[in-house]
């Protein structure tokens, strides 16, 4: 809900900066366990079923990206536009970690990824 509200109240750049600060840890990061990634994906999925504001793929991707980084996982936020050109403008957001899609895999092959300025860290 906070991310959804942030998307409406501030610029994308400002929101990303705030989320990056939120994800930053003040204590040393211990080796992240890969088992965290499916649990984070599950948590985002379940939450989106119960919170109508969290059904948006961008909200889900921003939350997942923040949680992954907070737990010490490398994460890349991807935003793509519909590459087929069959419809009016459409976009989709997803998150990748270690070469795997963690959140937003469904239908993403139709979308051509754009650069998200600073979000493409390995």
PDB file of N, CA and C in Angstrom:
ATOM      1  N   UNK A   1       0.817  -1.176   0.000  1.00  0.00           N
ATOM      2  CA  UNK A   1       0.000   0.000   0.000  1.00  0.00           C
ATOM      3  C   UNK A   1       0.872   1.255   0.000  1.00  0.00           C
ATOM      4  N   UNK A   2       1.972   1.230   0.743  1.00  0.00           N
ATOM      5  CA  UNK A   2       2.862   2.373   0.793  1.00  0.00           C
ATOM      6  C   UNK A   2       3.497   2.625  -0.571  1.00  0.00           C
ATOM      7  N   UNK A   3       3.888   1.550  -1.254  1.00  0.00           N
ATOM      8  CA  UNK A   3       4.494   1.704  -2.579  1.00  0.00           C
ATOM      9  C   UNK A   3       3.466   2.259  -3.560  1.00  0.00           C
ATOM     10  N   UNK A   4       2.247   1.760  -3.511  1.00  0.00           N
ATOM     11  CA  UNK A   4       1.183   2.261  -4.390  1.00  0.00           C
ATOM     12  C   UNK A   4       0.979   3.753  -4.148  1.00  0.00           C
ATOM     13  N   UNK A   5       0.913   4.159  -2.900  1.00  0.00           N
ATOM     14  CA  UNK A   5       0.740   5.559  -2.545  1.00  0.00           C
ATOM     15  C   UNK A   5       1.939   6.383  -3.009  1.00  0.00           C
ATOM     16  N   UNK A   6       3.138   5.840  -2.833  1.00  0.00           N
ATOM     17  CA  UNK A   6       4.352   6.520  -3.288  1.00  0.00           C
ATOM     18  C   UNK A   6       4.359   6.771  -4.781  1.00  0.00           C
ATOM     19  N   UNK A   7       3.833   5.822  -5.558  1.00  0.00           N
ATOM     20  CA  UNK A   7       3.762   6.000  -7.012  1.00  0.00           C
ATOM     21  C   UNK A   7       2.835   7.152  -7.391  1.00  0.00           C
ATOM     22  N   UNK A   8       1.865   7.435  -6.543  1.00  0.00           N
ATOM     23  CA  UNK A   8       0.921   8.512  -6.832  1.00  0.00           C
ATOM     24  C   UNK A   8       1.381   9.866  -6.310  1.00  0.00           C
ATOM     25  N   UNK A   9       2.203   9.860  -5.266  1.00  0.00           N
ATOM     26  CA  UNK A   9       2.573  11.116  -4.611  1.00  0.00           C
ATOM     27  C   UNK A   9       3.936  11.677  -5.002  1.00  0.00           C
ATOM     28  N   UNK A  10       4.816  10.833  -5.517  1.00  0.00           N
ATOM     29  CA  UNK A  10       6.141  11.354  -5.873  1.00  0.00           C
ATOM     30  C   UNK A  10       6.595  10.760  -7.197  1.00  0.00           C
ATOM     31  N   UNK A  11       7.681  11.283  -7.701  1.00  0.00           N
ATOM     32  CA  UNK A  11       8.197  10.787  -8.974  1.00  0.00           C
ATOM     33  C   UNK A  11       8.747   9.376  -8.800  1.00  0.00           C
ATOM     34  N   UNK A  12       8.851   8.658  -9.904  1.00  0.00           N
ATOM     35  CA  UNK A  12       9.400   7.308  -9.876  1.00  0.00           C
ATOM     36  C   UNK A  12      10.823   7.342  -9.328  1.00  0.00           C
ATOM     37  N   UNK A  13      11.601   8.307  -9.751  1.00  0.00           N
ATOM     38  CA  UNK A  13      12.988   8.440  -9.308  1.00  0.00           C
ATOM     39  C   UNK A  13      13.069   8.626  -7.787  1.00  0.00           C
ATOM     40  N   UNK A  14      12.218   9.490  -7.242  1.00  0.00           N
ATOM     41  CA  UNK A  14      12.196   9.735  -5.804  1.00  0.00           C
ATOM     42  C   UNK A  14      11.786   8.473  -5.053  1.00  0.00           C
ATOM     43  N   UNK A  15      10.767   7.790  -5.549  1.00  0.00           N
ATOM     44  CA  UNK A  15      10.318   6.561  -4.906  1.00  0.00           C
ATOM     45  C   UNK A  15      11.423   5.512  -4.912  1.00  0.00           C
ATOM     46  N   UNK A  16      12.116   5.359  -6.038  1.00  0.00           N
ATOM     47  CA  UNK A  16      13.217   4.385  -6.126  1.00  0.00           C
ATOM     48  C   UNK A  16      14.318   4.727  -5.127  1.00  0.00           C
ATOM     49  N   UNK A  17      14.618   6.012  -4.975  1.00  0.00           N
ATOM     50  CA  UNK A  17      15.635   6.439  -4.014  1.00  0.00           C
ATOM     51  C   UNK A  17      15.207   6.083  -2.592  1.00  0.00           C
ATOM     52  N   UNK A  18      13.955   6.348  -2.261  1.00  0.00           N
ATOM     53  CA  UNK A  18      13.442   6.014  -0.930  1.00  0.00           C
ATOM     54  C   UNK A  18      13.482   4.507  -0.672  1.00  0.00           C
ATOM     55  N   UNK A  19      13.081   3.723  -1.678  1.00  0.00           N
ATOM     56  CA  UNK A  19      13.085   2.268  -1.520  1.00  0.00           C
ATOM     57  C   UNK A  19      14.501   1.722  -1.428  1.00  0.00           C
ATOM     58  N   UNK A  20      15.426   2.326  -2.153  1.00  0.00           N
ATOM     59  CA  UNK A  20      16.829   1.902  -2.080  1.00  0.00           C
ATOM     60  C   UNK A  20      17.370   2.149  -0.683  1.00  0.00           C
ATOM     61  N   UNK A  21      17.031   3.305  -0.115  1.00  0.00           N
ATOM     62  CA  UNK A  21      17.457   3.593   1.258  1.00  0.00           C
ATOM     63  C   UNK A  21      16.822   2.629   2.244  1.00  0.00           C
ATOM     64  N   UNK A  22      15.570   2.295   2.011  1.00  0.00           N
ATOM     65  CA  UNK A  22      14.883   1.345   2.879  1.00  0.00           C
ATOM     66  C   UNK A  22      15.540  -0.032   2.805  1.00  0.00           C
ATOM     67  N   UNK A  23      15.963  -0.420   1.610  1.00  0.00           N
ATOM     68  CA  UNK A  23      16.572  -1.733   1.417  1.00  0.00           C
ATOM     69  C   UNK A  23      17.989  -1.813   1.975  1.00  0.00           C
ATOM     70  N   UNK A  24      18.639  -0.661   2.110  1.00  0.00           N
ATOM     71  CA  UNK A  24      20.017  -0.649   2.604  1.00  0.00           C
ATOM     72  C   UNK A  24      20.054  -1.133   4.050  1.00  0.00           C
ATOM     73  N   UNK A  25      21.043  -1.911   4.331  1.00  0.00           N
ATOM     74  CA  UNK A  25      21.183  -2.447   5.692  1.00  0.00           C
ATOM     75  C   UNK A  25      22.311  -1.710   6.397  1.00  0.00           C
ATOM     76  N   UNK A  26      22.091  -1.397   7.635  1.00  0.00           N
ATOM     77  CA  UNK A  26      23.139  -0.745   8.418  1.00  0.00           C
ATOM     78  C   UNK A  26      24.085  -1.770   9.033  1.00  0.00           C
ATOM     79  N   UNK A  27      23.660  -3.014   9.105  1.00  0.00           N
ATOM     80  CA  UNK A  27      24.513  -4.077   9.621  1.00  0.00           C
ATOM     81  C   UNK A  27      25.050  -4.889   8.451  1.00  0.00           C
ATOM     82  N   UNK A  28      26.183  -5.559   8.620  1.00  0.00           N
ATOM     83  CA  UNK A  28      26.726  -6.353   7.514  1.00  0.00           C
ATOM     84  C   UNK A  28      25.729  -7.425   7.051  1.00  0.00           C
ATOM     85  N   UNK A  29      25.692  -7.629   5.749  1.00  0.00           N
ATOM     86  CA  UNK A  29      24.789  -8.632   5.175  1.00  0.00           C
ATOM     87  C   UNK A  29      25.471  -9.986   5.238  1.00  0.00           C
ATOM     88  N   UNK A  30      24.791 -10.926   5.824  1.00  0.00           N
ATOM     89  CA  UNK A  30      25.296 -12.297   5.839  1.00  0.00           C
ATOM     90  C   UNK A  30      24.915 -12.950   4.517  1.00  0.00           C
ATOM     91  N   UNK A  31      25.554 -14.036   4.190  1.00  0.00           N
ATOM     92  CA  UNK A  31      25.261 -14.716   2.927  1.00  0.00           C
ATOM     93  C   UNK A  31      23.762 -14.996   2.824  1.00  0.00           C
ATOM     94  N   UNK A  32      23.164 -14.451   1.779  1.00  0.00           N
ATOM     95  CA  UNK A  32      21.724 -14.642   1.559  1.00  0.00           C
ATOM     96  C   UNK A  32      21.471 -16.075   1.119  1.00  0.00           C
ATOM     97  N   UNK A  33      20.413 -16.632   1.612  1.00  0.00           N
ATOM     98  CA  UNK A  33      20.046 -17.983   1.222  1.00  0.00           C
ATOM     99  C   UNK A  33      19.104 -17.928   0.023  1.00  0.00           C
ATOM    100  N   UNK A  34      19.344 -18.785  -0.939  1.00  0.00           N
ATOM    101  CA  UNK A  34      18.465 -18.825  -2.111  1.00  0.00           C
ATOM    102  C   UNK A  34      17.028 -19.157  -1.735  1.00  0.00           C
ATOM    103  N   UNK A  35      16.850 -19.817  -0.604  1.00  0.00           N
ATOM    104  CA  UNK A  35      15.494 -20.175  -0.186  1.00  0.00           C
ATOM    105  C   UNK A  35      14.663 -18.936   0.149  1.00  0.00           C
ATOM    106  N   UNK A  36      15.313 -17.803   0.370  1.00  0.00           N
ATOM    107  CA  UNK A  36      14.584 -16.555   0.619  1.00  0.00           C
ATOM    108  C   UNK A  36      13.830 -16.087  -0.619  1.00  0.00           C
ATOM    109  N   UNK A  37      14.399 -16.284  -1.802  1.00  0.00           N
ATOM    110  CA  UNK A  37      13.793 -15.770  -3.036  1.00  0.00           C
ATOM    111  C   UNK A  37      12.382 -16.314  -3.269  1.00  0.00           C
ATOM    112  N   UNK A  38      12.163 -17.633  -3.200  1.00  0.00           N
ATOM    113  CA  UNK A  38      10.795 -18.134  -3.385  1.00  0.00           C
ATOM    114  C   UNK A  38       9.842 -17.652  -2.292  1.00  0.00           C
ATOM    115  N   UNK A  39      10.349 -17.511  -1.076  1.00  0.00           N
ATOM    116  CA  UNK A  39       9.487 -17.025   0.004  1.00  0.00           C
ATOM    117  C   UNK A  39       9.078 -15.576  -0.221  1.00  0.00           C
ATOM    118  N   UNK A  40       9.984 -14.768  -0.728  1.00  0.00           N
ATOM    119  CA  UNK A  40       9.652 -13.375  -1.032  1.00  0.00           C
ATOM    120  C   UNK A  40       8.639 -13.325  -2.172  1.00  0.00           C
ATOM    121  N   UNK A  41       8.852 -14.129  -3.208  1.00  0.00           N
ATOM    122  CA  UNK A  41       7.893 -14.186  -4.326  1.00  0.00           C
ATOM    123  C   UNK A  41       6.524 -14.623  -3.834  1.00  0.00           C
ATOM    124  N   UNK A  42       6.496 -15.631  -2.958  1.00  0.00           N
ATOM    125  CA  UNK A  42       5.242 -16.116  -2.400  1.00  0.00           C
ATOM    126  C   UNK A  42       4.553 -15.018  -1.598  1.00  0.00           C
ATOM    127  N   UNK A  43       5.297 -14.320  -0.764  1.00  0.00           N
ATOM    128  CA  UNK A  43       4.723 -13.266   0.071  1.00  0.00           C
ATOM    129  C   UNK A  43       4.119 -12.149  -0.773  1.00  0.00           C
ATOM    130  N   UNK A  44       4.798 -11.757  -1.834  1.00  0.00           N
ATOM    131  CA  UNK A  44       4.275 -10.715  -2.723  1.00  0.00           C
ATOM    132  C   UNK A  44       3.006 -11.202  -3.415  1.00  0.00           C
ATOM    133  N   UNK A  45       3.015 -12.451  -3.868  1.00  0.00           N
ATOM    134  CA  UNK A  45       1.852 -13.027  -4.546  1.00  0.00           C
ATOM    135  C   UNK A  45       0.635 -13.102  -3.626  1.00  0.00           C
ATOM    136  N   UNK A  46       0.836 -13.612  -2.431  1.00  0.00           N
ATOM    137  CA  UNK A  46      -0.274 -13.744  -1.486  1.00  0.00           C
ATOM    138  C   UNK A  46      -0.817 -12.375  -1.091  1.00  0.00           C
ATOM    139  N   UNK A  47       0.062 -11.453  -0.820  1.00  0.00           N
ATOM    140  CA  UNK A  47      -0.367 -10.104  -0.442  1.00  0.00           C
ATOM    141  C   UNK A  47      -1.194  -9.466  -1.556  1.00  0.00           C
ATOM    142  N   UNK A  48      -0.786  -9.679  -2.791  1.00  0.00           N
ATOM    143  CA  UNK A  48      -1.508  -9.059  -3.918  1.00  0.00           C
ATOM    144  C   UNK A  48      -2.922  -9.613  -4.072  1.00  0.00           C
ATOM    145  N   UNK A  49      -3.159 -10.811  -3.571  1.00  0.00           N
ATOM    146  CA  UNK A  49      -4.513 -11.379  -3.631  1.00  0.00           C
ATOM    147  C   UNK A  49      -5.466 -10.691  -2.662  1.00  0.00           C
ATOM    148  N   UNK A  50      -4.929 -10.189  -1.564  1.00  0.00           N
ATOM    149  CA  UNK A  50      -5.763  -9.615  -0.516  1.00  0.00           C
ATOM    150  C   UNK A  50      -5.786  -8.085  -0.497  1.00  0.00           C
ATOM    151  N   UNK A  51      -4.826  -7.468  -1.152  1.00  0.00           N
ATOM    152  CA  UNK A  51      -4.794  -6.007  -1.222  1.00  0.00           C
ATOM    153  C   UNK A  51      -4.998  -5.575  -2.671  1.00  0.00           C
ATOM    154  N   UNK A  52      -6.161  -5.043  -3.008  1.00  0.00           N
ATOM    155  CA  UNK A  52      -6.420  -4.657  -4.390  1.00  0.00           C
ATOM    156  C   UNK A  52      -5.376  -3.690  -4.956  1.00  0.00           C
ATOM    157  N   UNK A  53      -4.809  -2.829  -4.124  1.00  0.00           N
ATOM    158  CA  UNK A  53      -3.820  -1.867  -4.607  1.00  0.00           C
ATOM    159  C   UNK A  53      -2.504  -2.542  -4.984  1.00  0.00           C
ATOM    160  N   UNK A  54      -2.296  -3.772  -4.528  1.00  0.00           N
ATOM    161  CA  UNK A  54      -1.051  -4.489  -4.798  1.00  0.00           C
ATOM    162  C   UNK A  54      -1.150  -5.399  -6.018  1.00  0.00           C
ATOM    163  N   UNK A  55      -2.241  -5.327  -6.766  1.00  0.00           N
ATOM    164  CA  UNK A  55      -2.389  -6.172  -7.962  1.00  0.00           C
ATOM    165  C   UNK A  55      -1.569  -5.643  -9.144  1.00  0.00           C
ATOM    166  N   UNK A  56      -1.155  -4.408  -9.078  1.00  0.00           N
ATOM    167  CA  UNK A  56      -0.376  -3.764 -10.124  1.00  0.00           C
ATOM    168  C   UNK A  56       1.023  -4.385 -10.190  1.00  0.00           C
ATOM    169  N   UNK A  57       1.480  -4.754 -11.387  1.00  0.00           N
ATOM    170  CA  UNK A  57       2.780  -5.418 -11.529  1.00  0.00           C
ATOM    171  C   UNK A  57       3.931  -4.513 -11.089  1.00  0.00           C
ATOM    172  N   UNK A  58       3.801  -3.208 -11.281  1.00  0.00           N
ATOM    173  CA  UNK A  58       4.871  -2.300 -10.865  1.00  0.00           C
ATOM    174  C   UNK A  58       4.975  -2.258  -9.344  1.00  0.00           C
ATOM    175  N   UNK A  59       3.858  -2.220  -8.665  1.00  0.00           N
ATOM    176  CA  UNK A  59       3.864  -2.240  -7.199  1.00  0.00           C
ATOM    177  C   UNK A  59       4.502  -3.537  -6.712  1.00  0.00           C
ATOM    178  N   UNK A  60       4.096  -4.663  -7.274  1.00  0.00           N
ATOM    179  CA  UNK A  60       4.655  -5.962  -6.874  1.00  0.00           C
ATOM    180  C   UNK A  60       6.158  -6.020  -7.131  1.00  0.00           C
ATOM    181  N   UNK A  61       6.585  -5.536  -8.282  1.00  0.00           N
ATOM    182  CA  UNK A  61       8.009  -5.569  -8.627  1.00  0.00           C
ATOM    183  C   UNK A  61       8.827  -4.681  -7.693  1.00  0.00           C
ATOM    184  N   UNK A  62       8.326  -3.503  -7.374  1.00  0.00           N
ATOM    185  CA  UNK A  62       9.053  -2.607  -6.469  1.00  0.00           C
ATOM    186  C   UNK A  62       9.159  -3.198  -5.070  1.00  0.00           C
ATOM    187  N   UNK A  63       8.093  -3.804  -4.597  1.00  0.00           N
ATOM    188  CA  UNK A  63       8.118  -4.434  -3.270  1.00  0.00           C
ATOM    189  C   UNK A  63       9.096  -5.614  -3.267  1.00  0.00           C
ATOM    190  N   UNK A  64       9.003  -6.477  -4.267  1.00  0.00           N
ATOM    191  CA  UNK A  64       9.894  -7.640  -4.341  1.00  0.00           C
ATOM    192  C   UNK A  64      11.354  -7.204  -4.451  1.00  0.00           C
ATOM    193  N   UNK A  65      11.626  -6.210  -5.274  1.00  0.00           N
ATOM    194  CA  UNK A  65      12.987  -5.709  -5.451  1.00  0.00           C
ATOM    195  C   UNK A  65      13.541  -5.199  -4.117  1.00  0.00           C
ATOM    196  N   UNK A  66      12.738  -4.431  -3.406  1.00  0.00           N
ATOM    197  CA  UNK A  66      13.158  -3.888  -2.114  1.00  0.00           C
ATOM    198  C   UNK A  66      13.424  -5.008  -1.107  1.00  0.00           C
ATOM    199  N   UNK A  67      12.526  -5.989  -1.041  1.00  0.00           N
ATOM    200  CA  UNK A  67      12.702  -7.099  -0.096  1.00  0.00           C
ATOM    201  C   UNK A  67      13.927  -7.947  -0.442  1.00  0.00           C
ATOM    202  N   UNK A  68      14.124  -8.225  -1.722  1.00  0.00           N
ATOM    203  CA  UNK A  68      15.292  -9.009  -2.126  1.00  0.00           C
ATOM    204  C   UNK A  68      16.581  -8.301  -1.725  1.00  0.00           C
ATOM    205  N   UNK A  69      16.670  -7.006  -2.029  1.00  0.00           N
ATOM    206  CA  UNK A  69      17.876  -6.269  -1.678  1.00  0.00           C
ATOM    207  C   UNK A  69      18.036  -6.170  -0.163  1.00  0.00           C
ATOM    208  N   UNK A  70      16.953  -6.005   0.535  1.00  0.00           N
ATOM    209  CA  UNK A  70      17.002  -5.921   2.004  1.00  0.00           C
ATOM    210  C   UNK A  70      17.553  -7.211   2.605  1.00  0.00           C
ATOM    211  N   UNK A  71      17.286  -8.338   1.946  1.00  0.00           N
ATOM    212  CA  UNK A  71      17.768  -9.636   2.428  1.00  0.00           C
ATOM    213  C   UNK A  71      19.100 -10.031   1.805  1.00  0.00           C
ATOM    214  N   UNK A  72      19.729  -9.094   1.098  1.00  0.00           N
ATOM    215  CA  UNK A  72      21.062  -9.343   0.572  1.00  0.00           C
ATOM    216  C   UNK A  72      21.139 -10.046  -0.765  1.00  0.00           C
ATOM    217  N   UNK A  73      20.026 -10.110  -1.494  1.00  0.00           N
ATOM    218  CA  UNK A  73      20.034 -10.752  -2.806  1.00  0.00           C
ATOM    219  C   UNK A  73      20.279  -9.726  -3.904  1.00  0.00           C
ATOM    220  N   UNK A  74      21.044 -10.091  -4.927  1.00  0.00           N
ATOM    221  CA  UNK A  74      21.150  -9.203  -6.077  1.00  0.00           C
ATOM    222  C   UNK A  74      19.792  -9.186  -6.778  1.00  0.00           C
ATOM    223  N   UNK A  75      19.349  -8.029  -7.195  1.00  0.00           N
ATOM    224  CA  UNK A  75      18.038  -7.939  -7.841  1.00  0.00           C
ATOM    225  C   UNK A  75      18.051  -6.853  -8.897  1.00  0.00           C
ATOM    226  N   UNK A  76      17.357  -7.116  -9.987  1.00  0.00           N
ATOM    227  CA  UNK A  76      17.220  -6.138 -11.066  1.00  0.00           C
ATOM    228  C   UNK A  76      15.752  -5.911 -11.348  1.00  0.00           C
ATOM    229  N   UNK A  77      15.354  -4.656 -11.307  1.00  0.00           N
ATOM    230  CA  UNK A  77      13.998  -4.271 -11.672  1.00  0.00           C
ATOM    231  C   UNK A  77      13.968  -4.105 -13.178  1.00  0.00           C
ATOM    232  N   UNK A  78      13.020  -4.749 -13.835  1.00  0.00           N
ATOM    233  CA  UNK A  78      12.869  -4.645 -15.286  1.00  0.00           C
ATOM    234  C   UNK A  78      11.498  -4.068 -15.599  1.00  0.00           C
ATOM    235  N   UNK A  79      11.478  -3.128 -16.513  1.00  0.00           N
ATOM    236  CA  UNK A  79      10.223  -2.577 -17.011  1.00  0.00           C
ATOM    237  C   UNK A  79      10.296  -2.679 -18.521  1.00  0.00           C
ATOM    238  N   UNK A  80       9.268  -3.259 -19.113  1.00  0.00           N
ATOM    239  CA  UNK A  80       9.255  -3.436 -20.560  1.00  0.00           C
ATOM    240  C   UNK A  80       7.979  -2.898 -21.180  1.00  0.00           C
ATOM    241  N   UNK A  81       8.070  -2.607 -22.478  1.00  0.00           N
ATOM    242  CA  UNK A  81       6.897  -2.154 -23.225  1.00  0.00           C
ATOM    243  C   UNK A  81       6.485  -3.255 -24.191  1.00  0.00           C
ATOM    244  N   UNK A  82       5.218  -3.270 -24.530  1.00  0.00           N
ATOM    245  CA  UNK A  82       4.673  -4.291 -25.425  1.00  0.00           C
ATOM    246  C   UNK A  82       5.392  -4.223 -26.769  1.00  0.00           C
ATOM    247  N   UNK A  83       6.101  -5.281 -27.101  1.00  0.00           N
ATOM    248  CA  UNK A  83       6.887  -5.321 -28.328  1.00  0.00           C
ATOM    249  C   UNK A  83       6.069  -5.734 -29.539  1.00  0.00           C
ATOM    250  N   UNK A  84       4.853  -6.251 -29.326  1.00  0.00           N
ATOM    251  CA  UNK A  84       4.059  -6.726 -30.450  1.00  0.00           C
ATOM    252  C   UNK A  84       3.394  -5.583 -31.201  1.00  0.00           C
ATOM    253  N   UNK A  85       3.089  -4.497 -30.512  1.00  0.00           N
ATOM    254  CA  UNK A  85       2.449  -3.364 -31.160  1.00  0.00           C
ATOM    255  C   UNK A  85       1.002  -3.629 -31.537  1.00  0.00           C
ATOM    256  N   UNK A  86       0.433  -4.734 -31.066  1.00  0.00           N
ATOM    257  CA  UNK A  86      -0.943  -5.099 -31.400  1.00  0.00           C
ATOM    258  C   UNK A  86      -1.976  -4.232 -30.691  1.00  0.00           C
ATOM    259  N   UNK A  87      -1.604  -3.654 -29.581  1.00  0.00           N
ATOM    260  CA  UNK A  87      -2.568  -2.959 -28.737  1.00  0.00           C
ATOM    261  C   UNK A  87      -2.089  -1.543 -28.438  1.00  0.00           C
ATOM    262  N   UNK A  88      -2.929  -0.798 -27.741  1.00  0.00           N
ATOM    263  CA  UNK A  88      -2.445   0.497 -27.244  1.00  0.00           C
ATOM    264  C   UNK A  88      -1.271   0.263 -26.303  1.00  0.00           C
ATOM    265  N   UNK A  89      -0.567   1.313 -25.970  1.00  0.00           N
ATOM    266  CA  UNK A  89       0.613   1.207 -25.132  1.00  0.00           C
ATOM    267  C   UNK A  89       0.354   0.366 -23.891  1.00  0.00           C
ATOM    268  N   UNK A  90       1.221  -0.618 -23.679  1.00  0.00           N
ATOM    269  CA  UNK A  90       1.158  -1.474 -22.491  1.00  0.00           C
ATOM    270  C   UNK A  90       2.567  -1.663 -21.964  1.00  0.00           C
ATOM    271  N   UNK A  91       2.662  -1.785 -20.658  1.00  0.00           N
ATOM    272  CA  UNK A  91       3.962  -2.005 -20.035  1.00  0.00           C
ATOM    273  C   UNK A  91       3.816  -3.084 -18.961  1.00  0.00           C
ATOM    274  N   UNK A  92       4.948  -3.639 -18.576  1.00  0.00           N
ATOM    275  CA  UNK A  92       4.965  -4.690 -17.552  1.00  0.00           C
ATOM    276  C   UNK A  92       6.261  -4.559 -16.755  1.00  0.00           C
ATOM    277  N   UNK A  93       6.189  -4.861 -15.461  1.00  0.00           N
ATOM    278  CA  UNK A  93       7.373  -4.814 -14.602  1.00  0.00           C
ATOM    279  C   UNK A  93       7.606  -6.186 -13.989  1.00  0.00           C
ATOM    280  N   UNK A  94       8.878  -6.545 -13.853  1.00  0.00           N
ATOM    281  CA  UNK A  94       9.228  -7.801 -13.215  1.00  0.00           C
ATOM    282  C   UNK A  94      10.589  -7.643 -12.547  1.00  0.00           C
ATOM    283  N   UNK A  95      10.950  -8.628 -11.729  1.00  0.00           N
ATOM    284  CA  UNK A  95      12.216  -8.596 -10.995  1.00  0.00           C
ATOM    285  C   UNK A  95      12.979  -9.877 -11.280  1.00  0.00           C
ATOM    286  N   UNK A  96      14.269  -9.708 -11.545  1.00  0.00           N
ATOM    287  CA  UNK A  96      15.154 -10.846 -11.774  1.00  0.00           C
ATOM    288  C   UNK A  96      16.229 -10.869 -10.694  1.00  0.00           C
ATOM    289  N   UNK A  97      16.640 -12.078 -10.340  1.00  0.00           N
ATOM    290  CA  UNK A  97      17.745 -12.266  -9.409  1.00  0.00           C
ATOM    291  C   UNK A  97      18.512 -13.508  -9.840  1.00  0.00           C
ATOM    292  N   UNK A  98      19.800 -13.340 -10.011  1.00  0.00           N
ATOM    293  CA  UNK A  98      20.666 -14.453 -10.433  1.00  0.00           C
ATOM    294  C   UNK A  98      20.166 -15.117 -11.713  1.00  0.00           C
ATOM    295  N   UNK A  99      19.696 -14.302 -12.658  1.00  0.00           N
ATOM    296  CA  UNK A  99      19.266 -14.822 -13.948  1.00  0.00           C
ATOM    297  C   UNK A  99      17.890 -15.460 -13.972  1.00  0.00           C
ATOM    298  N   UNK A 100      17.168 -15.398 -12.854  1.00  0.00           N
ATOM    299  CA  UNK A 100      15.824 -15.982 -12.791  1.00  0.00           C
ATOM    300  C   UNK A 100      14.810 -14.894 -12.513  1.00  0.00           C
ATOM    301  N   UNK A 101      13.622 -15.056 -13.079  1.00  0.00           N
ATOM    302  CA  UNK A 101      12.543 -14.123 -12.790  1.00  0.00           C
ATOM    303  C   UNK A 101      11.918 -14.529 -11.464  1.00  0.00           C
ATOM    304  N   UNK A 102      11.859 -13.588 -10.534  1.00  0.00           N
ATOM    305  CA  UNK A 102      11.333 -13.858  -9.198  1.00  0.00           C
ATOM    306  C   UNK A 102       9.863 -13.453  -9.119  1.00  0.00           C
ATOM    307  N   UNK A 103       9.529 -12.307  -9.670  1.00  0.00           N
ATOM    308  CA  UNK A 103       8.159 -11.780  -9.659  1.00  0.00           C
ATOM    309  C   UNK A 103       7.854 -11.229 -11.045  1.00  0.00           C
ATOM    310  N   UNK A 104       6.667 -11.523 -11.564  1.00  0.00           N
ATOM    311  CA  UNK A 104       6.224 -10.944 -12.833  1.00  0.00           C
ATOM    312  C   UNK A 104       6.564 -11.744 -14.069  1.00  0.00           C
ATOM    313  N   UNK A 105       6.776 -13.041 -13.932  1.00  0.00           N
ATOM    314  CA  UNK A 105       7.175 -13.866 -15.074  1.00  0.00           C
ATOM    315  C   UNK A 105       6.065 -14.030 -16.106  1.00  0.00           C
ATOM    316  N   UNK A 106       4.843 -14.059 -15.665  1.00  0.00           N
ATOM    317  CA  UNK A 106       3.721 -14.340 -16.550  1.00  0.00           C
ATOM    318  C   UNK A 106       3.578 -13.300 -17.669  1.00  0.00           C
ATOM    319  N   UNK A 107       3.737 -13.738 -18.892  1.00  0.00           N
ATOM    320  CA  UNK A 107       3.542 -12.882 -20.065  1.00  0.00           C
ATOM    321  C   UNK A 107       4.663 -11.918 -20.367  1.00  0.00           C
ATOM    322  N   UNK A 108       5.755 -11.957 -19.631  1.00  0.00           N
ATOM    323  CA  UNK A 108       6.812 -10.959 -19.823  1.00  0.00           C
ATOM    324  C   UNK A 108       7.537 -11.071 -21.160  1.00  0.00           C
ATOM    325  N   UNK A 109       7.438 -12.236 -21.811  1.00  0.00           N
ATOM    326  CA  UNK A 109       8.131 -12.410 -23.093  1.00  0.00           C
ATOM    327  C   UNK A 109       7.580 -11.492 -24.187  1.00  0.00           C
ATOM    328  N   UNK A 110       6.384 -10.954 -24.002  1.00  0.00           N
ATOM    329  CA  UNK A 110       5.806 -10.011 -24.972  1.00  0.00           C
ATOM    330  C   UNK A 110       6.365  -8.599 -24.820  1.00  0.00           C
ATOM    331  N   UNK A 111       7.154  -8.373 -23.759  1.00  0.00           N
ATOM    332  CA  UNK A 111       7.608  -7.028 -23.446  1.00  0.00           C
ATOM    333  C   UNK A 111       9.107  -6.869 -23.656  1.00  0.00           C
ATOM    334  N   UNK A 112       9.484  -5.754 -24.286  1.00  0.00           N
ATOM    335  CA  UNK A 112      10.879  -5.442 -24.533  1.00  0.00           C
ATOM    336  C   UNK A 112      11.386  -4.583 -23.368  1.00  0.00           C
ATOM    337  N   UNK A 113      12.397  -5.064 -22.629  1.00  0.00           N
ATOM    338  CA  UNK A 113      12.884  -4.332 -21.459  1.00  0.00           C
ATOM    339  C   UNK A 113      13.499  -2.977 -21.828  1.00  0.00           C
ATOM    340  N   UNK A 114      13.248  -2.000 -20.976  1.00  0.00           N
ATOM    341  CA  UNK A 114      13.846  -0.678 -21.082  1.00  0.00           C
ATOM    342  C   UNK A 114      14.859  -0.529 -19.956  1.00  0.00           C
ATOM    343  N   UNK A 115      15.733   0.450 -20.057  1.00  0.00           N
ATOM    344  CA  UNK A 115      16.655   0.743 -18.965  1.00  0.00           C
ATOM    345  C   UNK A 115      15.883   1.488 -17.886  1.00  0.00           C
ATOM    346  N   UNK A 116      16.157   1.154 -16.626  1.00  0.00           N
ATOM    347  CA  UNK A 116      15.434   1.782 -15.517  1.00  0.00           C
ATOM    348  C   UNK A 116      16.399   2.613 -14.672  1.00  0.00           C
ATOM    349  N   UNK A 117      17.424   3.158 -15.242  1.00  0.00           N
ATOM    350  CA  UNK A 117      18.341   4.042 -14.550  1.00  0.00           C
ATOM    351  C   UNK A 117      18.702   3.645 -13.135  1.00  0.00           C
ATOM    352  N   UNK A 118      19.769   2.890 -13.000  1.00  0.00           N
ATOM    353  CA  UNK A 118      20.238   2.493 -11.678  1.00  0.00           C
ATOM    354  C   UNK A 118      19.603   1.225 -11.161  1.00  0.00           C
ATOM    355  N   UNK A 119      18.574   0.731 -11.825  1.00  0.00           N
ATOM    356  CA  UNK A 119      17.905  -0.471 -11.331  1.00  0.00           C
ATOM    357  C   UNK A 119      18.482  -1.733 -11.929  1.00  0.00           C
ATOM    358  N   UNK A 120      19.439  -1.619 -12.826  1.00  0.00           N
ATOM    359  CA  UNK A 120      19.974  -2.792 -13.514  1.00  0.00           C
ATOM    360  C   UNK A 120      21.226  -3.335 -12.855  1.00  0.00           C
ATOM    361  N   UNK A 121      21.376  -3.113 -11.579  1.00  0.00           N
ATOM    362  CA  UNK A 121      22.542  -3.649 -10.882  1.00  0.00           C
ATOM    363  C   UNK A 121      22.453  -5.174 -10.883  1.00  0.00           C
ATOM    364  N   UNK A 122      23.570  -5.855 -11.001  1.00  0.00           N
ATOM    365  CA  UNK A 122      23.541  -7.322 -10.979  1.00  0.00           C
ATOM    366  C   UNK A 122      23.110  -7.863  -9.641  1.00  0.00           C
TER     367      UNK A 122
END
